[in-house]
């Protein structure tokens, strides 16, 4: 049985004032671009570069909103990836302790 990940992007209410005056067509382009950008970022790819070519119908105002919002998504995706890595590492340490093995100390950014 495979477990599907339920991962998404955060769209913050304080961004609403940046997009509320956009026509519905532009909001649709913005939403589609943000979803694709977030998916790319979670996969470790740059989800922002080249968006102008992928969405030539975006107005300048929509492009500006995309850049602000996509930057937030990029930071959220990086934080989520770090959180997942920390959870996996903690689970491995707990499993090692359960088996009676000596668990490695977590890397705290120290260099040898």
PDB file of N, CA and C in Angstrom:
ATOM      1  N   UNK A   1       0.840  -1.183   0.000  1.00  0.00           N
ATOM      2  CA  UNK A   1       0.000   0.000   0.000  1.00  0.00           C
ATOM      3  C   UNK A   1       0.882   1.243   0.000  1.00  0.00           C
ATOM      4  N   UNK A   2       0.641   2.138  -0.910  1.00  0.00           N
ATOM      5  CA  UNK A   2       1.395   3.386  -0.944  1.00  0.00           C
ATOM      6  C   UNK A   2       0.601   4.478  -0.247  1.00  0.00           C
ATOM      7  N   UNK A   3       1.335   5.312   0.445  1.00  0.00           N
ATOM      8  CA  UNK A   3       0.714   6.427   1.150  1.00  0.00           C
ATOM      9  C   UNK A   3       0.924   7.682   0.322  1.00  0.00           C
ATOM     10  N   UNK A   4      -0.138   8.363  -0.001  1.00  0.00           N
ATOM     11  CA  UNK A   4      -0.062   9.612  -0.758  1.00  0.00           C
ATOM     12  C   UNK A   4       0.277  10.737   0.205  1.00  0.00           C
ATOM     13  N   UNK A   5       1.196  11.591  -0.211  1.00  0.00           N
ATOM     14  CA  UNK A   5       1.505  12.776   0.579  1.00  0.00           C
ATOM     15  C   UNK A   5       0.454  13.831   0.309  1.00  0.00           C
ATOM     16  N   UNK A   6       0.046  14.500   1.348  1.00  0.00           N
ATOM     17  CA  UNK A   6      -0.883  15.607   1.196  1.00  0.00           C
ATOM     18  C   UNK A   6      -0.097  16.884   1.453  1.00  0.00           C
ATOM     19  N   UNK A   7       0.424  17.458   0.384  1.00  0.00           N
ATOM     20  CA  UNK A   7       1.269  18.633   0.483  1.00  0.00           C
ATOM     21  C   UNK A   7       0.612  19.745  -0.310  1.00  0.00           C
ATOM     22  N   UNK A   8       0.722  20.944   0.169  1.00  0.00           N
ATOM     23  CA  UNK A   8       0.106  22.062  -0.535  1.00  0.00           C
ATOM     24  C   UNK A   8       0.916  23.322  -0.374  1.00  0.00           C
ATOM     25  N   UNK A   9       0.347  24.399  -0.838  1.00  0.00           N
ATOM     26  CA  UNK A   9       0.979  25.705  -0.680  1.00  0.00           C
ATOM     27  C   UNK A   9       0.117  26.538   0.253  1.00  0.00           C
ATOM     28  N   UNK A  10       0.756  27.471   0.927  1.00  0.00           N
ATOM     29  CA  UNK A  10       0.035  28.397   1.792  1.00  0.00           C
ATOM     30  C   UNK A  10      -0.209  29.687   1.012  1.00  0.00           C
ATOM     31  N   UNK A  11      -1.448  30.098   0.978  1.00  0.00           N
ATOM     32  CA  UNK A  11      -1.798  31.395   0.407  1.00  0.00           C
ATOM     33  C   UNK A  11      -2.288  32.232   1.593  1.00  0.00           C
ATOM     34  N   UNK A  12      -1.523  33.236   1.937  1.00  0.00           N
ATOM     35  CA  UNK A  12      -1.787  34.010   3.132  1.00  0.00           C
ATOM     36  C   UNK A  12      -2.821  35.106   2.871  1.00  0.00           C
ATOM     37  N   UNK A  13      -3.693  35.318   3.841  1.00  0.00           N
ATOM     38  CA  UNK A  13      -4.738  36.331   3.706  1.00  0.00           C
ATOM     39  C   UNK A  13      -4.170  37.726   3.482  1.00  0.00           C
ATOM     40  N   UNK A  14      -2.983  38.009   4.036  1.00  0.00           N
ATOM     41  CA  UNK A  14      -2.443  39.350   3.855  1.00  0.00           C
ATOM     42  C   UNK A  14      -1.988  39.607   2.413  1.00  0.00           C
ATOM     43  N   UNK A  15      -1.979  38.580   1.577  1.00  0.00           N
ATOM     44  CA  UNK A  15      -1.693  38.773   0.150  1.00  0.00           C
ATOM     45  C   UNK A  15      -2.937  39.185  -0.631  1.00  0.00           C
ATOM     46  N   UNK A  16      -4.097  39.073  -0.032  1.00  0.00           N
ATOM     47  CA  UNK A  16      -5.337  39.347  -0.738  1.00  0.00           C
ATOM     48  C   UNK A  16      -5.368  40.756  -1.322  1.00  0.00           C
ATOM     49  N   UNK A  17      -4.887  41.742  -0.562  1.00  0.00           N
ATOM     50  CA  UNK A  17      -4.921  43.127  -1.059  1.00  0.00           C
ATOM     51  C   UNK A  17      -4.080  43.309  -2.318  1.00  0.00           C
ATOM     52  N   UNK A  18      -3.117  42.427  -2.550  1.00  0.00           N
ATOM     53  CA  UNK A  18      -2.289  42.508  -3.757  1.00  0.00           C
ATOM     54  C   UNK A  18      -3.006  41.990  -4.996  1.00  0.00           C
ATOM     55  N   UNK A  19      -4.007  41.145  -4.790  1.00  0.00           N
ATOM     56  CA  UNK A  19      -4.630  40.486  -5.947  1.00  0.00           C
ATOM     57  C   UNK A  19      -6.125  40.736  -6.075  1.00  0.00           C
ATOM     58  N   UNK A  20      -6.744  41.371  -5.108  1.00  0.00           N
ATOM     59  CA  UNK A  20      -8.204  41.495  -5.121  1.00  0.00           C
ATOM     60  C   UNK A  20      -8.753  42.247  -6.324  1.00  0.00           C
ATOM     61  N   UNK A  21      -7.983  43.150  -6.907  1.00  0.00           N
ATOM     62  CA  UNK A  21      -8.471  43.923  -8.050  1.00  0.00           C
ATOM     63  C   UNK A  21      -8.182  43.253  -9.398  1.00  0.00           C
ATOM     64  N   UNK A  22      -7.491  42.117  -9.373  1.00  0.00           N
ATOM     65  CA  UNK A  22      -7.191  41.435 -10.637  1.00  0.00           C
ATOM     66  C   UNK A  22      -8.456  40.838 -11.236  1.00  0.00           C
ATOM     67  N   UNK A  23      -8.574  40.871 -12.551  1.00  0.00           N
ATOM     68  CA  UNK A  23      -9.718  40.200 -13.195  1.00  0.00           C
ATOM     69  C   UNK A  23      -9.617  38.683 -12.977  1.00  0.00           C
ATOM     70  N   UNK A  24     -10.733  38.012 -13.066  1.00  0.00           N
ATOM     71  CA  UNK A  24     -10.772  36.569 -12.820  1.00  0.00           C
ATOM     72  C   UNK A  24      -9.779  35.805 -13.689  1.00  0.00           C
ATOM     73  N   UNK A  25      -9.630  36.191 -14.940  1.00  0.00           N
ATOM     74  CA  UNK A  25      -8.680  35.504 -15.832  1.00  0.00           C
ATOM     75  C   UNK A  25      -7.260  35.586 -15.272  1.00  0.00           C
ATOM     76  N   UNK A  26      -6.887  36.751 -14.768  1.00  0.00           N
ATOM     77  CA  UNK A  26      -5.549  36.926 -14.198  1.00  0.00           C
ATOM     78  C   UNK A  26      -5.396  36.144 -12.897  1.00  0.00           C
ATOM     79  N   UNK A  27      -6.453  36.120 -12.089  1.00  0.00           N
ATOM     80  CA  UNK A  27      -6.410  35.317 -10.856  1.00  0.00           C
ATOM     81  C   UNK A  27      -6.212  33.839 -11.182  1.00  0.00           C
ATOM     82  N   UNK A  28      -6.853  33.379 -12.243  1.00  0.00           N
ATOM     83  CA  UNK A  28      -6.689  31.988 -12.667  1.00  0.00           C
ATOM     84  C   UNK A  28      -5.262  31.687 -13.086  1.00  0.00           C
ATOM     85  N   UNK A  29      -4.670  32.588 -13.871  1.00  0.00           N
ATOM     86  CA  UNK A  29      -3.270  32.419 -14.269  1.00  0.00           C
ATOM     87  C   UNK A  29      -2.346  32.432 -13.054  1.00  0.00           C
ATOM     88  N   UNK A  30      -2.624  33.349 -12.135  1.00  0.00           N
ATOM     89  CA  UNK A  30      -1.816  33.455 -10.929  1.00  0.00           C
ATOM     90  C   UNK A  30      -1.890  32.172 -10.115  1.00  0.00           C
ATOM     91  N   UNK A  31      -3.091  31.672  -9.903  1.00  0.00           N
ATOM     92  CA  UNK A  31      -3.273  30.454  -9.113  1.00  0.00           C
ATOM     93  C   UNK A  31      -2.561  29.276  -9.773  1.00  0.00           C
ATOM     94  N   UNK A  32      -2.736  29.121 -11.071  1.00  0.00           N
ATOM     95  CA  UNK A  32      -2.088  28.021 -11.792  1.00  0.00           C
ATOM     96  C   UNK A  32      -0.561  28.129 -11.673  1.00  0.00           C
ATOM     97  N   UNK A  33      -0.036  29.335 -11.860  1.00  0.00           N
ATOM     98  CA  UNK A  33       1.414  29.537 -11.775  1.00  0.00           C
ATOM     99  C   UNK A  33       1.931  29.246 -10.369  1.00  0.00           C
ATOM    100  N   UNK A  34       1.185  29.658  -9.343  1.00  0.00           N
ATOM    101  CA  UNK A  34       1.608  29.403  -7.962  1.00  0.00           C
ATOM    102  C   UNK A  34       1.599  27.914  -7.641  1.00  0.00           C
ATOM    103  N   UNK A  35       0.585  27.208  -8.111  1.00  0.00           N
ATOM    104  CA  UNK A  35       0.520  25.763  -7.863  1.00  0.00           C
ATOM    105  C   UNK A  35       1.694  25.052  -8.536  1.00  0.00           C
ATOM    106  N   UNK A  36       1.962  25.404  -9.784  1.00  0.00           N
ATOM    107  CA  UNK A  36       3.081  24.779 -10.489  1.00  0.00           C
ATOM    108  C   UNK A  36       4.414  25.150  -9.849  1.00  0.00           C
ATOM    109  N   UNK A  37       4.543  26.382  -9.423  1.00  0.00           N
ATOM    110  CA  UNK A  37       5.765  26.830  -8.768  1.00  0.00           C
ATOM    111  C   UNK A  37       5.994  26.060  -7.464  1.00  0.00           C
ATOM    112  N   UNK A  38       4.944  25.929  -6.662  1.00  0.00           N
ATOM    113  CA  UNK A  38       5.057  25.205  -5.401  1.00  0.00           C
ATOM    114  C   UNK A  38       5.427  23.747  -5.605  1.00  0.00           C
ATOM    115  N   UNK A  39       4.831  23.122  -6.588  1.00  0.00           N
ATOM    116  CA  UNK A  39       5.141  21.719  -6.884  1.00  0.00           C
ATOM    117  C   UNK A  39       6.603  21.569  -7.296  1.00  0.00           C
ATOM    118  N   UNK A  40       7.077  22.461  -8.143  1.00  0.00           N
ATOM    119  CA  UNK A  40       8.479  22.416  -8.572  1.00  0.00           C
ATOM    120  C   UNK A  40       9.415  22.612  -7.391  1.00  0.00           C
ATOM    121  N   UNK A  41       9.110  23.567  -6.523  1.00  0.00           N
ATOM    122  CA  UNK A  41       9.960  23.839  -5.362  1.00  0.00           C
ATOM    123  C   UNK A  41      10.038  22.628  -4.430  1.00  0.00           C
ATOM    124  N   UNK A  42       8.922  21.958  -4.212  1.00  0.00           N
ATOM    125  CA  UNK A  42       8.937  20.766  -3.362  1.00  0.00           C
ATOM    126  C   UNK A  42       9.761  19.641  -3.968  1.00  0.00           C
ATOM    127  N   UNK A  43       9.859  19.619  -5.280  1.00  0.00           N
ATOM    128  CA  UNK A  43      10.676  18.614  -5.967  1.00  0.00           C
ATOM    129  C   UNK A  43      12.132  19.050  -6.080  1.00  0.00           C
ATOM    130  N   UNK A  44      12.462  20.211  -5.527  1.00  0.00           N
ATOM    131  CA  UNK A  44      13.834  20.695  -5.553  1.00  0.00           C
ATOM    132  C   UNK A  44      14.214  21.442  -6.814  1.00  0.00           C
ATOM    133  N   UNK A  45      13.216  21.805  -7.617  1.00  0.00           N
ATOM    134  CA  UNK A  45      13.477  22.571  -8.840  1.00  0.00           C
ATOM    135  C   UNK A  45      13.093  24.025  -8.628  1.00  0.00           C
ATOM    136  N   UNK A  46      13.652  24.899  -9.449  1.00  0.00           N
ATOM    137  CA  UNK A  46      13.318  26.317  -9.386  1.00  0.00           C
ATOM    138  C   UNK A  46      11.935  26.516 -10.000  1.00  0.00           C
ATOM    139  N   UNK A  47      10.987  26.928  -9.190  1.00  0.00           N
ATOM    140  CA  UNK A  47       9.628  27.118  -9.661  1.00  0.00           C
ATOM    141  C   UNK A  47       9.319  28.530 -10.116  1.00  0.00           C
ATOM    142  N   UNK A  48      10.302  29.410 -10.002  1.00  0.00           N
ATOM    143  CA  UNK A  48      10.061  30.811 -10.342  1.00  0.00           C
ATOM    144  C   UNK A  48      10.669  31.179 -11.695  1.00  0.00           C
ATOM    145  N   UNK A  49      11.896  30.779 -11.918  1.00  0.00           N
ATOM    146  CA  UNK A  49      12.598  31.167 -13.148  1.00  0.00           C
ATOM    147  C   UNK A  49      11.810  30.762 -14.388  1.00  0.00           C
ATOM    148  N   UNK A  50      11.688  31.684 -15.313  1.00  0.00           N
ATOM    149  CA  UNK A  50      11.037  31.406 -16.582  1.00  0.00           C
ATOM    150  C   UNK A  50       9.525  31.460 -16.568  1.00  0.00           C
ATOM    151  N   UNK A  51       8.943  31.924 -15.463  1.00  0.00           N
ATOM    152  CA  UNK A  51       7.478  31.940 -15.399  1.00  0.00           C
ATOM    153  C   UNK A  51       6.870  32.866 -16.447  1.00  0.00           C
ATOM    154  N   UNK A  52       7.606  33.913 -16.821  1.00  0.00           N
ATOM    155  CA  UNK A  52       7.078  34.857 -17.819  1.00  0.00           C
ATOM    156  C   UNK A  52       6.824  34.166 -19.153  1.00  0.00           C
ATOM    157  N   UNK A  53       7.714  33.232 -19.517  1.00  0.00           N
ATOM    158  CA  UNK A  53       7.538  32.498 -20.767  1.00  0.00           C
ATOM    159  C   UNK A  53       6.411  31.475 -20.653  1.00  0.00           C
ATOM    160  N   UNK A  54       6.275  30.887 -19.478  1.00  0.00           N
ATOM    161  CA  UNK A  54       5.209  29.898 -19.283  1.00  0.00           C
ATOM    162  C   UNK A  54       3.828  30.547 -19.215  1.00  0.00           C
ATOM    163  N   UNK A  55       3.773  31.803 -18.798  1.00  0.00           N
ATOM    164  CA  UNK A  55       2.500  32.518 -18.646  1.00  0.00           C
ATOM    165  C   UNK A  55       2.585  33.878 -19.321  1.00  0.00           C
ATOM    166  N   UNK A  56       2.656  33.900 -20.651  1.00  0.00           N
ATOM    167  CA  UNK A  56       2.804  35.184 -21.349  1.00  0.00           C
ATOM    168  C   UNK A  56       1.585  36.089 -21.223  1.00  0.00           C
ATOM    169  N   UNK A  57       0.451  35.548 -20.806  1.00  0.00           N
ATOM    170  CA  UNK A  57      -0.752  36.355 -20.672  1.00  0.00           C
ATOM    171  C   UNK A  57      -0.856  37.112 -19.362  1.00  0.00           C
ATOM    172  N   UNK A  58       0.127  36.946 -18.477  1.00  0.00           N
ATOM    173  CA  UNK A  58       0.091  37.664 -17.200  1.00  0.00           C
ATOM    174  C   UNK A  58       0.396  39.139 -17.418  1.00  0.00           C
ATOM    175  N   UNK A  59      -0.394  39.985 -16.782  1.00  0.00           N
ATOM    176  CA  UNK A  59      -0.108  41.415 -16.804  1.00  0.00           C
ATOM    177  C   UNK A  59       1.044  41.712 -15.845  1.00  0.00           C
ATOM    178  N   UNK A  60       1.566  42.914 -15.929  1.00  0.00           N
ATOM    179  CA  UNK A  60       2.655  43.312 -15.025  1.00  0.00           C
ATOM    180  C   UNK A  60       2.239  43.173 -13.565  1.00  0.00           C
ATOM    181  N   UNK A  61       1.022  43.580 -13.263  1.00  0.00           N
ATOM    182  CA  UNK A  61       0.537  43.506 -11.877  1.00  0.00           C
ATOM    183  C   UNK A  61       0.446  42.051 -11.399  1.00  0.00           C
ATOM    184  N   UNK A  62      -0.006  41.162 -12.256  1.00  0.00           N
ATOM    185  CA  UNK A  62      -0.096  39.744 -11.903  1.00  0.00           C
ATOM    186  C   UNK A  62       1.294  39.155 -11.727  1.00  0.00           C
ATOM    187  N   UNK A  63       2.223  39.557 -12.585  1.00  0.00           N
ATOM    188  CA  UNK A  63       3.601  39.079 -12.450  1.00  0.00           C
ATOM    189  C   UNK A  63       4.201  39.507 -11.113  1.00  0.00           C
ATOM    190  N   UNK A  64       3.942  40.749 -10.723  1.00  0.00           N
ATOM    191  CA  UNK A  64       4.457  41.242  -9.441  1.00  0.00           C
ATOM    192  C   UNK A  64       3.871  40.440  -8.281  1.00  0.00           C
ATOM    193  N   UNK A  65       2.573  40.199  -8.325  1.00  0.00           N
ATOM    194  CA  UNK A  65       1.933  39.405  -7.276  1.00  0.00           C
ATOM    195  C   UNK A  65       2.516  37.995  -7.244  1.00  0.00           C
ATOM    196  N   UNK A  66       2.737  37.422  -8.423  1.00  0.00           N
ATOM    197  CA  UNK A  66       3.325  36.080  -8.475  1.00  0.00           C
ATOM    198  C   UNK A  66       4.685  36.057  -7.796  1.00  0.00           C
ATOM    199  N   UNK A  67       5.527  37.031  -8.104  1.00  0.00           N
ATOM    200  CA  UNK A  67       6.877  37.035  -7.527  1.00  0.00           C
ATOM    201  C   UNK A  67       6.846  37.128  -6.006  1.00  0.00           C
ATOM    202  N   UNK A  68       5.995  37.998  -5.463  1.00  0.00           N
ATOM    203  CA  UNK A  68       5.879  38.092  -4.005  1.00  0.00           C
ATOM    204  C   UNK A  68       5.406  36.769  -3.408  1.00  0.00           C
ATOM    205  N   UNK A  69       4.357  36.231  -3.983  1.00  0.00           N
ATOM    206  CA  UNK A  69       3.744  35.036  -3.422  1.00  0.00           C
ATOM    207  C   UNK A  69       4.613  33.797  -3.656  1.00  0.00           C
ATOM    208  N   UNK A  70       5.270  33.708  -4.803  1.00  0.00           N
ATOM    209  CA  UNK A  70       6.122  32.554  -5.093  1.00  0.00           C
ATOM    210  C   UNK A  70       7.338  32.533  -4.172  1.00  0.00           C
ATOM    211  N   UNK A  71       7.856  33.702  -3.806  1.00  0.00           N
ATOM    212  CA  UNK A  71       8.962  33.747  -2.844  1.00  0.00           C
ATOM    213  C   UNK A  71       8.542  33.147  -1.502  1.00  0.00           C
ATOM    214  N   UNK A  72       7.330  33.467  -1.052  1.00  0.00           N
ATOM    215  CA  UNK A  72       6.820  32.875   0.184  1.00  0.00           C
ATOM    216  C   UNK A  72       6.698  31.356   0.045  1.00  0.00           C
ATOM    217  N   UNK A  73       6.208  30.910  -1.094  1.00  0.00           N
ATOM    218  CA  UNK A  73       6.057  29.475  -1.326  1.00  0.00           C
ATOM    219  C   UNK A  73       7.419  28.797  -1.308  1.00  0.00           C
ATOM    220  N   UNK A  74       8.407  29.432  -1.917  1.00  0.00           N
ATOM    221  CA  UNK A  74       9.769  28.869  -1.923  1.00  0.00           C
ATOM    222  C   UNK A  74      10.286  28.705  -0.496  1.00  0.00           C
ATOM    223  N   UNK A  75      10.122  29.726   0.325  1.00  0.00           N
ATOM    224  CA  UNK A  75      10.577  29.636   1.719  1.00  0.00           C
ATOM    225  C   UNK A  75       9.808  28.563   2.477  1.00  0.00           C
ATOM    226  N   UNK A  76       8.489  28.500   2.255  1.00  0.00           N
ATOM    227  CA  UNK A  76       7.676  27.478   2.925  1.00  0.00           C
ATOM    228  C   UNK A  76       8.098  26.074   2.500  1.00  0.00           C
ATOM    229  N   UNK A  77       8.374  25.878   1.213  1.00  0.00           N
ATOM    230  CA  UNK A  77       8.784  24.562   0.711  1.00  0.00           C
ATOM    231  C   UNK A  77      10.124  24.154   1.310  1.00  0.00           C
ATOM    232  N   UNK A  78      11.059  25.096   1.421  1.00  0.00           N
ATOM    233  CA  UNK A  78      12.364  24.804   2.017  1.00  0.00           C
ATOM    234  C   UNK A  78      12.210  24.450   3.492  1.00  0.00           C
ATOM    235  N   UNK A  79      11.383  25.199   4.205  1.00  0.00           N
ATOM    236  CA  UNK A  79      11.151  24.909   5.622  1.00  0.00           C
ATOM    237  C   UNK A  79      10.480  23.553   5.793  1.00  0.00           C
ATOM    238  N   UNK A  80       9.536  23.220   4.916  1.00  0.00           N
ATOM    239  CA  UNK A  80       8.850  21.932   4.979  1.00  0.00           C
ATOM    240  C   UNK A  80       9.829  20.791   4.721  1.00  0.00           C
ATOM    241  N   UNK A  81      10.707  20.954   3.746  1.00  0.00           N
ATOM    242  CA  UNK A  81      11.702  19.925   3.452  1.00  0.00           C
ATOM    243  C   UNK A  81      12.631  19.712   4.637  1.00  0.00           C
ATOM    244  N   UNK A  82      13.055  20.800   5.268  1.00  0.00           N
ATOM    245  CA  UNK A  82      13.918  20.701   6.448  1.00  0.00           C
ATOM    246  C   UNK A  82      13.189  20.000   7.586  1.00  0.00           C
ATOM    247  N   UNK A  83      11.929  20.356   7.801  1.00  0.00           N
ATOM    248  CA  UNK A  83      11.136  19.732   8.851  1.00  0.00           C
ATOM    249  C   UNK A  83      11.011  18.222   8.608  1.00  0.00           C
ATOM    250  N   UNK A  84      10.736  17.831   7.367  1.00  0.00           N
ATOM    251  CA  UNK A  84      10.611  16.401   7.043  1.00  0.00           C
ATOM    252  C   UNK A  84      11.924  15.669   7.281  1.00  0.00           C
ATOM    253  N   UNK A  85      13.036  16.288   6.887  1.00  0.00           N
ATOM    254  CA  UNK A  85      14.349  15.671   7.098  1.00  0.00           C
ATOM    255  C   UNK A  85      14.626  15.500   8.590  1.00  0.00           C
ATOM    256  N   UNK A  86      14.269  16.485   9.389  1.00  0.00           N
ATOM    257  CA  UNK A  86      14.475  16.392  10.840  1.00  0.00           C
ATOM    258  C   UNK A  86      13.616  15.286  11.450  1.00  0.00           C
ATOM    259  N   UNK A  87      12.394  15.160  10.990  1.00  0.00           N
ATOM    260  CA  UNK A  87      11.507  14.112  11.497  1.00  0.00           C
ATOM    261  C   UNK A  87      12.048  12.737  11.127  1.00  0.00           C
ATOM    262  N   UNK A  88      12.517  12.572   9.884  1.00  0.00           N
ATOM    263  CA  UNK A  88      13.093  11.281   9.465  1.00  0.00           C
ATOM    264  C   UNK A  88      14.323  10.950  10.286  1.00  0.00           C
ATOM    265  N   UNK A  89      15.173  11.929  10.525  1.00  0.00           N
ATOM    266  CA  UNK A  89      16.390  11.723  11.311  1.00  0.00           C
ATOM    267  C   UNK A  89      16.058  11.315  12.746  1.00  0.00           C
ATOM    268  N   UNK A  90      15.084  11.989  13.348  1.00  0.00           N
ATOM    269  CA  UNK A  90      14.674  11.644  14.712  1.00  0.00           C
ATOM    270  C   UNK A  90      14.094  10.232  14.766  1.00  0.00           C
ATOM    271  N   UNK A  91      13.340   9.851  13.754  1.00  0.00           N
ATOM    272  CA  UNK A  91      12.765   8.506  13.711  1.00  0.00           C
ATOM    273  C   UNK A  91      13.868   7.459  13.601  1.00  0.00           C
ATOM    274  N   UNK A  92      14.894   7.730  12.792  1.00  0.00           N
ATOM    275  CA  UNK A  92      16.019   6.784  12.679  1.00  0.00           C
ATOM    276  C   UNK A  92      16.753   6.659  14.004  1.00  0.00           C
ATOM    277  N   UNK A  93      16.957   7.772  14.700  1.00  0.00           N
ATOM    278  CA  UNK A  93      17.633   7.719  16.006  1.00  0.00           C
ATOM    279  C   UNK A  93      16.805   6.932  17.015  1.00  0.00           C
ATOM    280  N   UNK A  94      15.488   7.171  17.030  1.00  0.00           N
ATOM    281  CA  UNK A  94      14.630   6.414  17.958  1.00  0.00           C
ATOM    282  C   UNK A  94      14.671   4.923  17.658  1.00  0.00           C
ATOM    283  N   UNK A  95      14.657   4.574  16.391  1.00  0.00           N
ATOM    284  CA  UNK A  95      14.704   3.164  15.999  1.00  0.00           C
ATOM    285  C   UNK A  95      16.030   2.544  16.402  1.00  0.00           C
ATOM    286  N   UNK A  96      17.127   3.273  16.240  1.00  0.00           N
ATOM    287  CA  UNK A  96      18.440   2.766  16.644  1.00  0.00           C
ATOM    288  C   UNK A  96      18.481   2.536  18.152  1.00  0.00           C
ATOM    289  N   UNK A  97      17.931   3.456  18.926  1.00  0.00           N
ATOM    290  CA  UNK A  97      17.891   3.300  20.383  1.00  0.00           C
ATOM    291  C   UNK A  97      17.023   2.102  20.755  1.00  0.00           C
ATOM    292  N   UNK A  98      15.912   1.937  20.057  1.00  0.00           N
ATOM    293  CA  UNK A  98      15.020   0.809  20.329  1.00  0.00           C
ATOM    294  C   UNK A  98      15.734  -0.522  20.084  1.00  0.00           C
ATOM    295  N   UNK A  99      16.587  -0.565  19.097  1.00  0.00           N
ATOM    296  CA  UNK A  99      17.345  -1.779  18.793  1.00  0.00           C
ATOM    297  C   UNK A  99      18.551  -1.951  19.698  1.00  0.00           C
ATOM    298  N   UNK A 100      18.840  -0.944  20.506  1.00  0.00           N
ATOM    299  CA  UNK A 100      19.990  -1.020  21.392  1.00  0.00           C
ATOM    300  C   UNK A 100      21.281  -0.588  20.733  1.00  0.00           C
ATOM    301  N   UNK A 101      21.171   0.020  19.572  1.00  0.00           N
ATOM    302  CA  UNK A 101      22.356   0.517  18.877  1.00  0.00           C
ATOM    303  C   UNK A 101      22.696   1.894  19.387  1.00  0.00           C
ATOM    304  N   UNK A 102      23.929   2.262  19.209  1.00  0.00           N
ATOM    305  CA  UNK A 102      24.341   3.618  19.586  1.00  0.00           C
ATOM    306  C   UNK A 102      23.883   4.573  18.500  1.00  0.00           C
ATOM    307  N   UNK A 103      23.055   5.502  18.863  1.00  0.00           N
ATOM    308  CA  UNK A 103      22.553   6.485  17.901  1.00  0.00           C
ATOM    309  C   UNK A 103      23.599   7.557  17.682  1.00  0.00           C
ATOM    310  N   UNK A 104      23.737   7.977  16.417  1.00  0.00           N
ATOM    311  CA  UNK A 104      24.652   9.070  16.107  1.00  0.00           C
ATOM    312  C   UNK A 104      24.067  10.376  16.608  1.00  0.00           C
ATOM    313  N   UNK A 105      24.943  11.233  17.079  1.00  0.00           N
ATOM    314  CA  UNK A 105      24.503  12.561  17.502  1.00  0.00           C
ATOM    315  C   UNK A 105      24.088  13.339  16.267  1.00  0.00           C
ATOM    316  N   UNK A 106      23.045  14.133  16.395  1.00  0.00           N
ATOM    317  CA  UNK A 106      22.620  14.927  15.232  1.00  0.00           C
ATOM    318  C   UNK A 106      23.693  15.934  14.849  1.00  0.00           C
ATOM    319  N   UNK A 107      23.821  16.197  13.560  1.00  0.00           N
ATOM    320  CA  UNK A 107      24.769  17.174  13.054  1.00  0.00           C
ATOM    321  C   UNK A 107      24.244  18.568  13.383  1.00  0.00           C
ATOM    322  N   UNK A 108      24.988  19.305  14.149  1.00  0.00           N
ATOM    323  CA  UNK A 108      24.567  20.646  14.552  1.00  0.00           C
ATOM    324  C   UNK A 108      25.316  21.721  13.765  1.00  0.00           C
ATOM    325  N   UNK A 109      25.798  21.349  12.557  1.00  0.00           N
ATOM    326  CA  UNK A 109      26.483  22.324  11.740  1.00  0.00           C
ATOM    327  C   UNK A 109      27.942  22.495  12.085  1.00  0.00           C
ATOM    328  N   UNK A 110      28.469  21.617  12.952  1.00  0.00           N
ATOM    329  CA  UNK A 110      29.883  21.703  13.313  1.00  0.00           C
ATOM    330  C   UNK A 110      30.701  21.062  12.218  1.00  0.00           C
ATOM    331  N   UNK A 111      31.853  21.644  11.941  1.00  0.00           N
ATOM    332  CA  UNK A 111      32.749  21.044  10.960  1.00  0.00           C
ATOM    333  C   UNK A 111      33.852  20.309  11.691  1.00  0.00           C
ATOM    334  N   UNK A 112      34.374  19.284  11.057  1.00  0.00           N
ATOM    335  CA  UNK A 112      35.436  18.473  11.668  1.00  0.00           C
ATOM    336  C   UNK A 112      36.771  19.074  11.428  1.00  0.00           C
TER     337      UNK A 112
END
